[in-house]
Every structure is written in structure tokens, then in C-alpha cells.
Amino acid sequence: MTPLYLRQPPHHVTLPAPVWFRVEDMPDNATYPALRHPWGEFVYCYRGVTELRSGGQVFLAPPHMAFWIPADVDQIGYNRRATTHISIYIDPSLCGGMPQGATSLSVTPLLRAMLDRLAGAQFDATPRQARLLRVMVDEMAGCTLAQSFLPDSDHPALRRLLSSLHDTPWNRQGAGILARRFGLSERTLARLCQRDLGMSLTEWRNRLRVVRAIAMLQDGQRVETIALDLGYATASAFIAMFKGITGDSPARYAGR
């Protein structure tokens, strides 16, 4: 899908402070241009799901997660549904405890509470805010690394297949039909999924549906409606899938 909205990030030769942040509202189908910058970036979503493409992988930041982008790493950020996220930019001298590559992070409860304090705020350069930001950087270093929630592939046929499923998460066609549509055998498709995605196509499709469901839950849609929109015959089947991946029912996840 061609993005309808291009957001140009703020351009700085140097950061205004060792740790600087901004909160951004992004509409549906929005993207940032391909870029890299000489400082680290921590991205956390308050609403919606932000996606990052970097180094041939796709990382996602639903509300319970974040991602980390080291300095001088190529990146493209985008979202399919409206989001609100915070970007925290960190001088390289303070990034020693952070991962060396782009990755998803599981946010600690303490860090989430501090991030919630910054929701809707603006950078003000006060000593009090500066202290909070430095403590947040220390807490980021303690976040658990998570695998790419929705990995991608460099294999041309598999990449086209995954792109098609991104646009049609309700698609219930079996692996054999999908393989033939994209010029693969079912056996080859299974092998490529394990090699490039680290999981079966079924698990990858379920993760994609969870990502879509999270955005729909935040829009206030009913679980029954979401289940039907994602191709499930019953709400109970959808709830079981969602809970199997997130550990929570859709209703509990939305409340949390």
C-alpha cells in the first residue's frame, strides 16, 4: 500500500541535549523516509503499532513493547493504522549498555510508568526532566531483548507472499495454495519459513493477526467484530489464538 502521509523527522546536526525526546501522532498509512542518524533512538508506542524496517528485518512496537535503533543504522519507520509514539534520542556516549543492533525490547513496568509520564509532554530542558530521562536510559539497558515479532525474508517469492498477507490478514488459504500462487512448493515454503522467519507460516500469520487485532481493540471494536474481520468463524477461536501468543485474552489486553 502506498503511504498517504510522509512525515519528515526533525533534523539536528547535534542533539539539543544528551537525551532528547518528542511525542508524535501519526495518521493511518504514514511513514518516515529512509534515514540514519548519529545517535541512538528508543521508540515506544502509546497507541497503535509502529513498524520498523532495518537490516532486512521488520520490528514492531505494539503498546507493550518498544524497539531500539543504534546510531548510524539505516531505518524506515511506518504504521498502517494511526499511532501515538515517543522517540527518545540518546547521545552515543550514553548508549554503552544498549544492544549493538536494532531489536525489539520488552519494556519493564518501571520504564513504562516513566514513559507514561512523558505522554503528551514536550522537551523542556529543565533539570528535573533531564534527571528523569537519564534514569530512563539506565532502565532501558535492563529491558529484555525480544526477537523480531514479525520477521521478514529476503527471498523474493517469500517476501511477496508475506507482503500479500500483510494486505489481507483475513486470508484463510492454506500453505499449499499460497505456495503455488507464488511459485513455490509447499515443502520449499515450509523450509524457507523456518530458515528466514524462525517459525512456521501459521505462527507468522497468527502474529500478523494479533498485530492487526491490537490496533482494532484500541479503536474500540468488539472482539466478535475483530474475529470476523480477521477471518475467524467464531470469536472463541480468535480469543484462543490471541491468548496463545500474548498470554492475555483480547479484553484483558485492551484493558491493560
C-alpha atoms as a PDB file:
ATOM      1  CA  MET A   1       0.000   0.000   0.000  1.00  0.00           C
ATOM      2  CA  THR A   2       1.389   3.412  -0.913  1.00  0.00           C
ATOM      3  CA  PRO A   3       1.696   5.572   2.227  1.00  0.00           C
ATOM      4  CA  LEU A   4      -0.709   8.504   2.244  1.00  0.00           C
ATOM      5  CA  TYR A   5       1.323  10.600   4.649  1.00  0.00           C
ATOM      6  CA  LEU A   6       5.071  11.276   4.702  1.00  0.00           C
ATOM      7  CA  ARG A   7       6.448  12.656   7.959  1.00  0.00           C
ATOM      8  CA  GLN A   8       9.803  14.394   7.881  1.00  0.00           C
ATOM      9  CA  PRO A   9      11.587  13.915  11.221  1.00  0.00           C
ATOM     10  CA  PRO A  10      13.278  16.892  12.890  1.00  0.00           C
ATOM     11  CA  HIS A  11      16.773  17.432  11.559  1.00  0.00           C
ATOM     12  CA  HIS A  12      19.546  18.184  14.000  1.00  0.00           C
ATOM     13  CA  VAL A  13      23.282  18.263  13.391  1.00  0.00           C
ATOM     14  CA  THR A  14      23.668  17.607  17.095  1.00  0.00           C
ATOM     15  CA  LEU A  15      21.122  16.719  19.739  1.00  0.00           C
ATOM     16  CA  PRO A  16      19.703  19.641  21.771  1.00  0.00           C
ATOM     17  CA  ALA A  17      20.629  17.657  24.905  1.00  0.00           C
ATOM     18  CA  PRO A  18      22.319  14.328  25.728  1.00  0.00           C
ATOM     19  CA  VAL A  19      18.823  12.783  25.920  1.00  0.00           C
ATOM     20  CA  TRP A  20      16.040  14.407  23.903  1.00  0.00           C
ATOM     21  CA  PHE A  21      12.518  13.242  23.078  1.00  0.00           C
ATOM     22  CA  ARG A  22       9.413  14.045  21.092  1.00  0.00           C
ATOM     23  CA  VAL A  23       5.879  12.613  21.117  1.00  0.00           C
ATOM     24  CA  GLU A  24       4.306  12.156  17.701  1.00  0.00           C
ATOM     25  CA  ASP A  25       0.776  11.430  16.457  1.00  0.00           C
ATOM     26  CA  MET A  26       0.787   9.605  13.126  1.00  0.00           C
ATOM     27  CA  PRO A  27      -2.321   9.062  10.938  1.00  0.00           C
ATOM     28  CA  ASP A  28      -3.177   5.885   9.037  1.00  0.00           C
ATOM     29  CA  ASN A  29      -0.680   4.738   6.388  1.00  0.00           C
ATOM     30  CA  ALA A  30       2.115   7.037   7.478  1.00  0.00           C
ATOM     31  CA  THR A  31       5.858   6.658   7.008  1.00  0.00           C
ATOM     32  CA  TYR A  32       9.177   8.319   7.627  1.00  0.00           C
ATOM     33  CA  PRO A  33      11.703   8.432   4.778  1.00  0.00           C
ATOM     34  CA  ALA A  34      14.718   6.137   4.829  1.00  0.00           C
ATOM     35  CA  LEU A  35      17.244   7.694   7.203  1.00  0.00           C
ATOM     36  CA  ARG A  36      20.066   7.181   9.661  1.00  0.00           C
ATOM     37  CA  HIS A  37      21.320   9.439  12.441  1.00  0.00           C
ATOM     38  CA  PRO A  38      24.428   9.592  14.634  1.00  0.00           C
ATOM     39  CA  TRP A  39      22.632   8.831  17.906  1.00  0.00           C
ATOM     40  CA  GLY A  40      20.593   6.002  19.345  1.00  0.00           C
ATOM     41  CA  GLU A  41      16.798   6.019  19.229  1.00  0.00           C
ATOM     42  CA  PHE A  42      14.304   4.304  21.524  1.00  0.00           C
ATOM     43  CA  VAL A  43      10.718   4.130  20.208  1.00  0.00           C
ATOM     44  CA  TYR A  44       7.690   3.246  22.343  1.00  0.00           C
ATOM     45  CA  CYS A  45       4.028   3.282  21.303  1.00  0.00           C
ATOM     46  CA  TYR A  46       1.258   4.623  23.486  1.00  0.00           C
ATOM     47  CA  ARG A  47      -1.397   3.767  20.886  1.00  0.00           C
ATOM     48  CA  GLY A  48      -1.327   1.630  17.769  1.00  0.00           C
ATOM     49  CA  VAL A  49       1.575  -0.361  16.345  1.00  0.00           C
ATOM     50  CA  THR A  50       4.701   1.245  14.909  1.00  0.00           C
ATOM     51  CA  GLU A  51       6.787  -0.811  12.470  1.00  0.00           C
ATOM     52  CA  LEU A  52      10.481  -0.516  11.721  1.00  0.00           C
ATOM     53  CA  ARG A  53      12.370  -1.945   8.763  1.00  0.00           C
ATOM     54  CA  SER A  54      16.099  -2.182   9.335  1.00  0.00           C
ATOM     55  CA  GLY A  55      18.764  -4.590   8.115  1.00  0.00           C
ATOM     56  CA  GLY A  56      16.268  -6.740   6.236  1.00  0.00           C
ATOM     57  CA  GLN A  57      14.105  -7.286   9.324  1.00  0.00           C
ATOM     58  CA  VAL A  58      10.772  -5.890  10.422  1.00  0.00           C
ATOM     59  CA  PHE A  59      10.368  -4.948  14.076  1.00  0.00           C
ATOM     60  CA  LEU A  60       7.103  -3.984  15.708  1.00  0.00           C
ATOM     61  CA  ALA A  61       6.301  -1.889  18.745  1.00  0.00           C
ATOM     62  CA  PRO A  62       2.779  -2.641  19.958  1.00  0.00           C
ATOM     63  CA  PRO A  63       1.867  -0.904  23.217  1.00  0.00           C
ATOM     64  CA  HIS A  64       3.648  -3.404  25.475  1.00  0.00           C
ATOM     65  CA  MET A  65       6.930  -3.269  23.554  1.00  0.00           C
ATOM     66  CA  ALA A  66       9.483  -0.867  22.106  1.00  0.00           C
ATOM     67  CA  PHE A  67      12.382  -1.038  19.736  1.00  0.00           C
ATOM     68  CA  TRP A  68      15.931   0.205  19.808  1.00  0.00           C
ATOM     69  CA  ILE A  69      17.881   1.618  16.851  1.00  0.00           C
ATOM     70  CA  PRO A  70      21.628   2.157  17.384  1.00  0.00           C
ATOM     71  CA  ALA A  71      23.495   5.106  15.902  1.00  0.00           C
ATOM     72  CA  ASP A  72      24.304   5.046  12.172  1.00  0.00           C
ATOM     73  CA  VAL A  73      21.819   2.286  11.325  1.00  0.00           C
ATOM     74  CA  ASP A  74      19.599   2.576   8.241  1.00  0.00           C
ATOM     75  CA  GLN A  75      15.909   2.585   9.103  1.00  0.00           C
ATOM     76  CA  ILE A  76      12.418   3.170   7.774  1.00  0.00           C
ATOM     77  CA  GLY A  77       9.574   3.663  10.227  1.00  0.00           C
ATOM     78  CA  TYR A  78       5.910   3.343   9.270  1.00  0.00           C
ATOM     79  CA  ASN A  79       2.462   2.445  10.543  1.00  0.00           C
ATOM     80  CA  ARG A  80      -0.630   1.038   8.854  1.00  0.00           C
ATOM     81  CA  ARG A  81      -3.081   2.393  11.432  1.00  0.00           C
ATOM     82  CA  ALA A  82      -2.946   5.648  13.409  1.00  0.00           C
ATOM     83  CA  THR A  83      -0.419   5.664  16.242  1.00  0.00           C
ATOM     84  CA  THR A  84       0.967   7.809  19.021  1.00  0.00           C
ATOM     85  CA  HIS A  85       4.589   7.115  19.865  1.00  0.00           C
ATOM     86  CA  ILE A  86       7.537   8.648  21.650  1.00  0.00           C
ATOM     87  CA  SER A  87      11.049   8.740  20.209  1.00  0.00           C
ATOM     88  CA  ILE A  88      13.853   9.189  22.718  1.00  0.00           C
ATOM     89  CA  TYR A  89      17.182  10.161  21.144  1.00  0.00           C
ATOM     90  CA  ILE A  90      20.321   9.301  23.112  1.00  0.00           C
ATOM     91  CA  ASP A  91      23.853  10.573  22.651  1.00  0.00           C
ATOM     92  CA  PRO A  92      26.241   7.706  21.712  1.00  0.00           C
ATOM     93  CA  SER A  93      28.276   8.319  24.867  1.00  0.00           C
ATOM     94  CA  LEU A  94      25.276   7.086  26.906  1.00  0.00           C
ATOM     95  CA  CYS A  95      24.467   4.043  24.738  1.00  0.00           C
ATOM     96  CA  GLY A  96      27.117   1.676  26.101  1.00  0.00           C
ATOM     97  CA  GLY A  97      24.564  -0.554  27.819  1.00  0.00           C
ATOM     98  CA  MET A  98      22.215  -0.777  24.846  1.00  0.00           C
ATOM     99  CA  PRO A  99      22.119  -3.546  22.185  1.00  0.00           C
ATOM    100  CA  GLN A 100      24.561  -3.274  19.285  1.00  0.00           C
ATOM    101  CA  GLY A 101      21.896  -3.895  16.639  1.00  0.00           C
ATOM    102  CA  ALA A 102      18.278  -2.910  16.000  1.00  0.00           C
ATOM    103  CA  THR A 103      15.968  -5.029  18.117  1.00  0.00           C
ATOM    104  CA  SER A 104      12.588  -5.246  19.814  1.00  0.00           C
ATOM    105  CA  LEU A 105      12.506  -4.720  23.586  1.00  0.00           C
ATOM    106  CA  SER A 106      10.101  -5.824  26.298  1.00  0.00           C
ATOM    107  CA  VAL A 107       9.507  -2.710  28.411  1.00  0.00           C
ATOM    108  CA  THR A 108       9.817  -3.058  32.190  1.00  0.00           C
ATOM    109  CA  PRO A 109       6.932  -1.873  34.399  1.00  0.00           C
ATOM    110  CA  LEU A 110       9.125   0.888  35.871  1.00  0.00           C
ATOM    111  CA  LEU A 111      10.137   2.179  32.440  1.00  0.00           C
ATOM    112  CA  ARG A 112       6.524   2.044  31.271  1.00  0.00           C
ATOM    113  CA  ALA A 113       5.474   4.205  34.226  1.00  0.00           C
ATOM    114  CA  MET A 114       8.146   6.778  33.357  1.00  0.00           C
ATOM    115  CA  LEU A 115       7.156   6.723  29.693  1.00  0.00           C
ATOM    116  CA  ASP A 116       3.546   7.337  30.691  1.00  0.00           C
ATOM    117  CA  ARG A 117       4.689  10.489  32.495  1.00  0.00           C
ATOM    118  CA  LEU A 118       6.009  11.826  29.199  1.00  0.00           C
ATOM    119  CA  ALA A 119       2.823  11.119  27.218  1.00  0.00           C
ATOM    120  CA  GLY A 120       1.688  14.414  25.747  1.00  0.00           C
ATOM    121  CA  ALA A 121       4.709  16.241  27.206  1.00  0.00           C
ATOM    122  CA  GLN A 122       7.326  18.327  25.437  1.00  0.00           C
ATOM    123  CA  PHE A 123      11.049  18.541  25.992  1.00  0.00           C
ATOM    124  CA  ASP A 124      11.700  21.475  28.323  1.00  0.00           C
ATOM    125  CA  ALA A 125      15.402  21.127  29.278  1.00  0.00           C
ATOM    126  CA  THR A 126      14.639  21.501  32.997  1.00  0.00           C
ATOM    127  CA  PRO A 127      16.980  19.730  35.442  1.00  0.00           C
ATOM    128  CA  ARG A 128      14.073  17.663  36.753  1.00  0.00           C
ATOM    129  CA  GLN A 129      13.176  16.340  33.308  1.00  0.00           C
ATOM    130  CA  ALA A 130      16.847  15.771  32.464  1.00  0.00           C
ATOM    131  CA  ARG A 131      17.217  13.582  35.586  1.00  0.00           C
ATOM    132  CA  LEU A 132      14.132  11.576  34.630  1.00  0.00           C
ATOM    133  CA  LEU A 133      15.477  10.997  31.120  1.00  0.00           C
ATOM    134  CA  ARG A 134      18.854   9.800  32.404  1.00  0.00           C
ATOM    135  CA  VAL A 135      17.175   7.334  34.767  1.00  0.00           C
ATOM    136  CA  MET A 136      15.077   6.113  31.823  1.00  0.00           C
ATOM    137  CA  VAL A 137      18.232   5.420  29.823  1.00  0.00           C
ATOM    138  CA  ASP A 138      19.561   3.276  32.684  1.00  0.00           C
ATOM    139  CA  GLU A 139      16.262   1.388  32.813  1.00  0.00           C
ATOM    140  CA  MET A 140      16.271   0.828  29.021  1.00  0.00           C
ATOM    141  CA  ALA A 141      19.534  -1.087  29.373  1.00  0.00           C
ATOM    142  CA  GLY A 142      17.703  -3.577  31.596  1.00  0.00           C
ATOM    143  CA  CYS A 143      14.923  -4.333  29.110  1.00  0.00           C
ATOM    144  CA  THR A 144      14.698  -7.880  27.827  1.00  0.00           C
ATOM    145  CA  LEU A 145      15.578  -8.340  24.166  1.00  0.00           C
ATOM    146  CA  ALA A 146      12.755  -9.833  22.128  1.00  0.00           C
ATOM    147  CA  GLN A 147      13.024 -11.481  18.753  1.00  0.00           C
ATOM    148  CA  SER A 148      11.606  -9.626  15.794  1.00  0.00           C
ATOM    149  CA  PHE A 149       7.895 -10.119  16.423  1.00  0.00           C
ATOM    150  CA  LEU A 150       7.092 -10.302  12.731  1.00  0.00           C
ATOM    151  CA  PRO A 151      10.304 -11.148  10.832  1.00  0.00           C
ATOM    152  CA  ASP A 152      10.722 -10.675   7.083  1.00  0.00           C
ATOM    153  CA  SER A 153      12.609 -12.541   4.360  1.00  0.00           C
ATOM    154  CA  ASP A 154      14.999 -11.552   1.590  1.00  0.00           C
ATOM    155  CA  HIS A 155      13.813 -14.458  -0.567  1.00  0.00           C
ATOM    156  CA  PRO A 156      11.851 -12.781  -3.431  1.00  0.00           C
ATOM    157  CA  ALA A 157       8.923 -15.214  -3.555  1.00  0.00           C
ATOM    158  CA  LEU A 158       8.514 -15.495   0.216  1.00  0.00           C
ATOM    159  CA  ARG A 159       8.778 -11.736   0.608  1.00  0.00           C
ATOM    160  CA  ARG A 160       5.988 -11.214  -1.956  1.00  0.00           C
ATOM    161  CA  LEU A 161       3.859 -13.818  -0.178  1.00  0.00           C
ATOM    162  CA  LEU A 162       4.332 -12.121   3.202  1.00  0.00           C
ATOM    163  CA  SER A 163       3.569  -8.719   1.688  1.00  0.00           C
ATOM    164  CA  SER A 164       0.335 -10.110   0.278  1.00  0.00           C
ATOM    165  CA  LEU A 165      -0.651 -11.432   3.711  1.00  0.00           C
ATOM    166  CA  HIS A 166       0.122  -8.037   5.267  1.00  0.00           C
ATOM    167  CA  ASP A 167      -2.566  -6.583   2.983  1.00  0.00           C
ATOM    168  CA  THR A 168      -5.035  -9.456   3.583  1.00  0.00           C
ATOM    169  CA  PRO A 169      -4.631 -10.751   7.159  1.00  0.00           C
ATOM    170  CA  TRP A 170      -8.098 -12.339   6.911  1.00  0.00           C
ATOM    171  CA  ASN A 171      -6.875 -14.657   4.127  1.00  0.00           C
ATOM    172  CA  ARG A 172      -7.542 -18.268   5.189  1.00  0.00           C
ATOM    173  CA  GLN A 173      -5.940 -20.012   2.197  1.00  0.00           C
ATOM    174  CA  GLY A 174      -3.759 -22.944   3.156  1.00  0.00           C
ATOM    175  CA  ALA A 175       0.001 -23.096   2.785  1.00  0.00           C
ATOM    176  CA  GLY A 176      -0.238 -25.289  -0.313  1.00  0.00           C
ATOM    177  CA  ILE A 177      -2.427 -22.809  -2.191  1.00  0.00           C
ATOM    178  CA  LEU A 178      -0.279 -19.871  -1.141  1.00  0.00           C
ATOM    179  CA  ALA A 179       2.907 -21.681  -2.150  1.00  0.00           C
ATOM    180  CA  ARG A 180       1.591 -22.357  -5.648  1.00  0.00           C
ATOM    181  CA  ARG A 181       0.406 -18.751  -6.042  1.00  0.00           C
ATOM    182  CA  PHE A 182       3.968 -17.570  -5.533  1.00  0.00           C
ATOM    183  CA  GLY A 183       5.775 -20.262  -7.479  1.00  0.00           C
ATOM    184  CA  LEU A 184       6.872 -22.432  -4.569  1.00  0.00           C
ATOM    185  CA  SER A 185       6.245 -25.968  -3.448  1.00  0.00           C
ATOM    186  CA  GLU A 186       4.656 -26.411  -0.039  1.00  0.00           C
ATOM    187  CA  ARG A 187       7.789 -28.149   1.192  1.00  0.00           C
ATOM    188  CA  THR A 188      10.029 -25.325  -0.034  1.00  0.00           C
ATOM    189  CA  LEU A 189       7.750 -22.759   1.591  1.00  0.00           C
ATOM    190  CA  ALA A 190       7.957 -24.569   4.931  1.00  0.00           C
ATOM    191  CA  ARG A 191      11.749 -24.739   4.681  1.00  0.00           C
ATOM    192  CA  LEU A 192      12.074 -21.044   3.798  1.00  0.00           C
ATOM    193  CA  CYS A 193       9.821 -20.035   6.694  1.00  0.00           C
ATOM    194  CA  GLN A 194      11.918 -21.929   9.215  1.00  0.00           C
ATOM    195  CA  ARG A 195      15.162 -20.616   7.723  1.00  0.00           C
ATOM    196  CA  ASP A 196      14.197 -16.945   7.327  1.00  0.00           C
ATOM    197  CA  LEU A 197      11.395 -16.423   9.845  1.00  0.00           C
ATOM    198  CA  GLY A 198      12.381 -18.917  12.506  1.00  0.00           C
ATOM    199  CA  MET A 199       8.792 -20.148  12.700  1.00  0.00           C
ATOM    200  CA  SER A 200       6.063 -21.783  10.657  1.00  0.00           C
ATOM    201  CA  LEU A 201       3.901 -19.768   8.275  1.00  0.00           C
ATOM    202  CA  THR A 202       0.940 -20.494  10.547  1.00  0.00           C
ATOM    203  CA  GLU A 203       2.632 -18.873  13.537  1.00  0.00           C
ATOM    204  CA  TRP A 204       3.717 -15.895  11.435  1.00  0.00           C
ATOM    205  CA  ARG A 205       0.140 -15.398  10.184  1.00  0.00           C
ATOM    206  CA  ASN A 206      -1.215 -15.577  13.722  1.00  0.00           C
ATOM    207  CA  ARG A 207       1.277 -12.933  14.851  1.00  0.00           C
ATOM    208  CA  LEU A 208       0.176 -10.722  11.976  1.00  0.00           C
ATOM    209  CA  ARG A 209      -3.447 -11.110  13.058  1.00  0.00           C
ATOM    210  CA  VAL A 210      -2.504 -10.207  16.629  1.00  0.00           C
ATOM    211  CA  VAL A 211      -0.865  -7.012  15.394  1.00  0.00           C
ATOM    212  CA  ARG A 212      -3.996  -6.109  13.443  1.00  0.00           C
ATOM    213  CA  ALA A 213      -6.216  -7.033  16.387  1.00  0.00           C
ATOM    214  CA  ILE A 214      -4.292  -4.783  18.783  1.00  0.00           C
ATOM    215  CA  ALA A 215      -4.950  -1.742  16.612  1.00  0.00           C
ATOM    216  CA  MET A 216      -8.627  -2.670  16.257  1.00  0.00           C
ATOM    217  CA  LEU A 217      -9.005  -3.196  20.008  1.00  0.00           C
ATOM    218  CA  GLN A 218      -7.556   0.249  20.616  1.00  0.00           C
ATOM    219  CA  ASP A 219     -10.129   1.648  18.200  1.00  0.00           C
ATOM    220  CA  GLY A 220     -12.813   0.233  20.485  1.00  0.00           C
ATOM    221  CA  GLN A 221     -14.025  -2.516  18.164  1.00  0.00           C
ATOM    222  CA  ARG A 222     -15.796  -5.517  19.687  1.00  0.00           C
ATOM    223  CA  VAL A 223     -13.958  -8.830  19.898  1.00  0.00           C
ATOM    224  CA  GLU A 224     -16.647 -10.545  17.819  1.00  0.00           C
ATOM    225  CA  THR A 225     -16.266  -7.974  15.042  1.00  0.00           C
ATOM    226  CA  ILE A 226     -12.479  -8.298  15.061  1.00  0.00           C
ATOM    227  CA  ALA A 227     -12.704 -12.087  14.885  1.00  0.00           C
ATOM    228  CA  LEU A 228     -14.938 -11.936  11.816  1.00  0.00           C
ATOM    229  CA  ASP A 229     -12.811  -9.260  10.148  1.00  0.00           C
ATOM    230  CA  LEU A 230      -9.717 -11.431  10.597  1.00  0.00           C
ATOM    231  CA  GLY A 231     -11.379 -14.471   9.049  1.00  0.00           C
ATOM    232  CA  TYR A 232     -12.380 -16.458  12.135  1.00  0.00           C
ATOM    233  CA  ALA A 233     -15.668 -18.329  12.141  1.00  0.00           C
ATOM    234  CA  THR A 234     -16.073 -17.858  15.909  1.00  0.00           C
ATOM    235  CA  ALA A 235     -14.859 -15.374  18.488  1.00  0.00           C
ATOM    236  CA  SER A 236     -13.677 -18.212  20.735  1.00  0.00           C
ATOM    237  CA  ALA A 237     -11.209 -19.433  18.089  1.00  0.00           C
ATOM    238  CA  PHE A 238      -9.794 -15.938  17.731  1.00  0.00           C
ATOM    239  CA  ILE A 239      -9.575 -15.463  21.518  1.00  0.00           C
ATOM    240  CA  ALA A 240      -7.684 -18.759  21.894  1.00  0.00           C
ATOM    241  CA  MET A 241      -5.177 -17.734  19.204  1.00  0.00           C
ATOM    242  CA  PHE A 242      -4.702 -14.246  20.698  1.00  0.00           C
ATOM    243  CA  LYS A 243      -4.184 -15.582  24.206  1.00  0.00           C
ATOM    244  CA  GLY A 244      -1.748 -18.219  22.969  1.00  0.00           C
ATOM    245  CA  ILE A 245       0.552 -15.506  21.607  1.00  0.00           C
ATOM    246  CA  THR A 246       0.134 -12.622  24.067  1.00  0.00           C
ATOM    247  CA  GLY A 247      -0.742 -14.532  27.244  1.00  0.00           C
ATOM    248  CA  ASP A 248      -3.879 -12.407  27.673  1.00  0.00           C
ATOM    249  CA  SER A 249      -7.388 -12.500  26.292  1.00  0.00           C
ATOM    250  CA  PRO A 250      -8.201  -9.614  23.902  1.00  0.00           C
ATOM    251  CA  ALA A 251     -10.398  -7.938  26.520  1.00  0.00           C
ATOM    252  CA  ARG A 252      -7.752  -8.171  29.238  1.00  0.00           C
ATOM    253  CA  TYR A 253      -5.031  -6.989  26.859  1.00  0.00           C
ATOM    254  CA  ALA A 254      -7.120  -3.974  25.836  1.00  0.00           C
ATOM    255  CA  GLY A 255      -7.744  -3.095  29.481  1.00  0.00           C
ATOM    256  CA  ARG A 256      -4.068  -3.376  30.299  1.00  0.00           C
END
